[in-house]
C-alpha atoms as a PDB file:
ATOM      1  CA  UNK A   1     -39.094 -73.044-119.893  1.00  0.00           C
ATOM      2  CA  UNK A   2     -42.597 -73.633-119.342  1.00  0.00           C
ATOM      3  CA  UNK A   3     -45.672 -71.887-120.971  1.00  0.00           C
ATOM      4  CA  UNK A   4     -46.805 -70.086-117.732  1.00  0.00           C
ATOM      5  CA  UNK A   5     -48.598 -67.055-118.312  1.00  0.00           C
ATOM      6  CA  UNK A   6     -48.226 -63.805-116.106  1.00  0.00           C
ATOM      7  CA  UNK A   7     -51.327 -62.553-114.266  1.00  0.00           C
ATOM      8  CA  UNK A   8     -51.076 -58.931-113.654  1.00  0.00           C
ATOM      9  CA  UNK A   9     -53.746 -57.192-111.915  1.00  0.00           C
ATOM     10  CA  UNK A  10     -55.387 -57.249-108.301  1.00  0.00           C
ATOM     11  CA  UNK A  11     -54.876 -60.182-106.021  1.00  0.00           C
ATOM     12  CA  UNK A  12     -58.915 -60.187-105.442  1.00  0.00           C
ATOM     13  CA  UNK A  13     -61.770 -59.737-107.740  1.00  0.00           C
ATOM     14  CA  UNK A  14     -63.407 -56.448-107.535  1.00  0.00           C
ATOM     15  CA  UNK A  15     -66.267 -57.873-105.534  1.00  0.00           C
ATOM     16  CA  UNK A  16     -63.833 -58.766-102.729  1.00  0.00           C
ATOM     17  CA  UNK A  17     -62.728 -55.267-102.485  1.00  0.00           C
ATOM     18  CA  UNK A  18     -66.158 -54.024-101.815  1.00  0.00           C
ATOM     19  CA  UNK A  19     -66.677 -56.698 -98.938  1.00  0.00           C
ATOM     20  CA  UNK A  20     -63.214 -55.456 -97.561  1.00  0.00           C
ATOM     21  CA  UNK A  21     -64.148 -51.727 -97.654  1.00  0.00           C
ATOM     22  CA  UNK A  22     -67.551 -52.567 -95.844  1.00  0.00           C
ATOM     23  CA  UNK A  23     -65.716 -54.490 -93.179  1.00  0.00           C
ATOM     24  CA  UNK A  24     -63.420 -51.554 -92.749  1.00  0.00           C
ATOM     25  CA  UNK A  25     -66.390 -49.365 -92.377  1.00  0.00           C
ATOM     26  CA  UNK A  26     -67.860 -51.870 -89.871  1.00  0.00           C
ATOM     27  CA  UNK A  27     -64.498 -51.727 -87.884  1.00  0.00           C
ATOM     28  CA  UNK A  28     -64.258 -47.811 -88.021  1.00  0.00           C
ATOM     29  CA  UNK A  29     -68.052 -47.740 -86.585  1.00  0.00           C
ATOM     30  CA  UNK A  30     -67.151 -49.769 -83.893  1.00  0.00           C
ATOM     31  CA  UNK A  31     -64.095 -47.892 -82.905  1.00  0.00           C
ATOM     32  CA  UNK A  32     -66.103 -44.691 -83.217  1.00  0.00           C
ATOM     33  CA  UNK A  33     -68.598 -46.249 -80.585  1.00  0.00           C
ATOM     34  CA  UNK A  34     -65.612 -46.561 -78.115  1.00  0.00           C
ATOM     35  CA  UNK A  35     -64.735 -43.350 -78.232  1.00  0.00           C
ATOM     36  CA  UNK A  36     -65.660 -40.755 -75.545  1.00  0.00           C
ATOM     37  CA  UNK A  37     -66.080 -40.990 -71.766  1.00  0.00           C
ATOM     38  CA  UNK A  38     -63.404 -38.684 -70.789  1.00  0.00           C
ATOM     39  CA  UNK A  39     -63.824 -36.113 -68.102  1.00  0.00           C
ATOM     40  CA  UNK A  40     -63.138 -32.502 -68.338  1.00  0.00           C
ATOM     41  CA  UNK A  41     -61.760 -32.158 -64.976  1.00  0.00           C
ATOM     42  CA  UNK A  42     -58.827 -34.646 -64.464  1.00  0.00           C
ATOM     43  CA  UNK A  43     -59.981 -34.817 -60.537  1.00  0.00           C
ATOM     44  CA  UNK A  44     -63.366 -36.205 -60.931  1.00  0.00           C
ATOM     45  CA  UNK A  45     -64.330 -39.678 -62.131  1.00  0.00           C
ATOM     46  CA  UNK A  46     -66.573 -39.873 -65.073  1.00  0.00           C
ATOM     47  CA  UNK A  47     -68.778 -43.074 -64.885  1.00  0.00           C
ATOM     48  CA  UNK A  48     -69.675 -42.740 -68.292  1.00  0.00           C
ATOM     49  CA  UNK A  49     -66.527 -44.456 -69.643  1.00  0.00           C
ATOM     50  CA  UNK A  50     -67.841 -47.767 -68.317  1.00  0.00           C
ATOM     51  CA  UNK A  51     -71.029 -47.600 -70.182  1.00  0.00           C
ATOM     52  CA  UNK A  52     -72.441 -50.713 -71.943  1.00  0.00           C
ATOM     53  CA  UNK A  53     -71.998 -49.140 -75.582  1.00  0.00           C
ATOM     54  CA  UNK A  54     -68.192 -48.920 -74.754  1.00  0.00           C
ATOM     55  CA  UNK A  55     -67.508 -52.039 -73.275  1.00  0.00           C
ATOM     56  CA  UNK A  56     -69.713 -54.482 -74.514  1.00  0.00           C
ATOM     57  CA  UNK A  57     -71.496 -53.324 -77.958  1.00  0.00           C
ATOM     58  CA  UNK A  58     -68.553 -51.515 -79.795  1.00  0.00           C
ATOM     59  CA  UNK A  59     -65.833 -54.413 -79.242  1.00  0.00           C
ATOM     60  CA  UNK A  60     -68.574 -57.018 -80.411  1.00  0.00           C
ATOM     61  CA  UNK A  61     -68.987 -54.701 -83.595  1.00  0.00           C
ATOM     62  CA  UNK A  62     -65.305 -54.220 -84.057  1.00  0.00           C
ATOM     63  CA  UNK A  63     -64.961 -58.206 -83.972  1.00  0.00           C
ATOM     64  CA  UNK A  64     -67.695 -58.608 -86.157  1.00  0.00           C
ATOM     65  CA  UNK A  65     -65.911 -56.500 -88.640  1.00  0.00           C
ATOM     66  CA  UNK A  66     -62.730 -58.508 -88.519  1.00  0.00           C
ATOM     67  CA  UNK A  67     -64.682 -61.599 -88.875  1.00  0.00           C
ATOM     68  CA  UNK A  68     -66.342 -59.893 -91.839  1.00  0.00           C
ATOM     69  CA  UNK A  69     -62.753 -59.011 -93.398  1.00  0.00           C
ATOM     70  CA  UNK A  70     -61.987 -62.726 -93.260  1.00  0.00           C
ATOM     71  CA  UNK A  71     -64.886 -63.484 -95.090  1.00  0.00           C
ATOM     72  CA  UNK A  72     -64.059 -60.954 -97.759  1.00  0.00           C
ATOM     73  CA  UNK A  73     -60.492 -62.093 -98.185  1.00  0.00           C
ATOM     74  CA  UNK A  74     -61.581 -65.997 -98.350  1.00  0.00           C
ATOM     75  CA  UNK A  75     -64.574 -65.623-100.505  1.00  0.00           C
ATOM     76  CA  UNK A  76     -64.497 -67.077-103.853  1.00  0.00           C
ATOM     77  CA  UNK A  77     -65.639 -65.294-106.751  1.00  0.00           C
ATOM     78  CA  UNK A  78     -68.736 -66.553-108.664  1.00  0.00           C
ATOM     79  CA  UNK A  79     -67.282 -68.509-111.476  1.00  0.00           C
ATOM     80  CA  UNK A  80     -68.001 -66.667-114.979  1.00  0.00           C
ATOM     81  CA  UNK A  81     -69.379 -69.276-117.503  1.00  0.00           C
END
């Protein structure tokens, strides 16, 4: 048998988890920006659902959040010497 030591604990360092939570907050913020635009009367068309905020800015924020999540997972911790 080899003399391998078992590591227990989390898969990522604690700094990476902080970045993961920040990324989740960015994604949630983007989805909140996408919300809304419905009409009170279903027979009336509401032009507000096609606002620039909902179809351009919010998806870009969500995409940035997902890219930030990839960075948070792939980030190497600083070496402790």
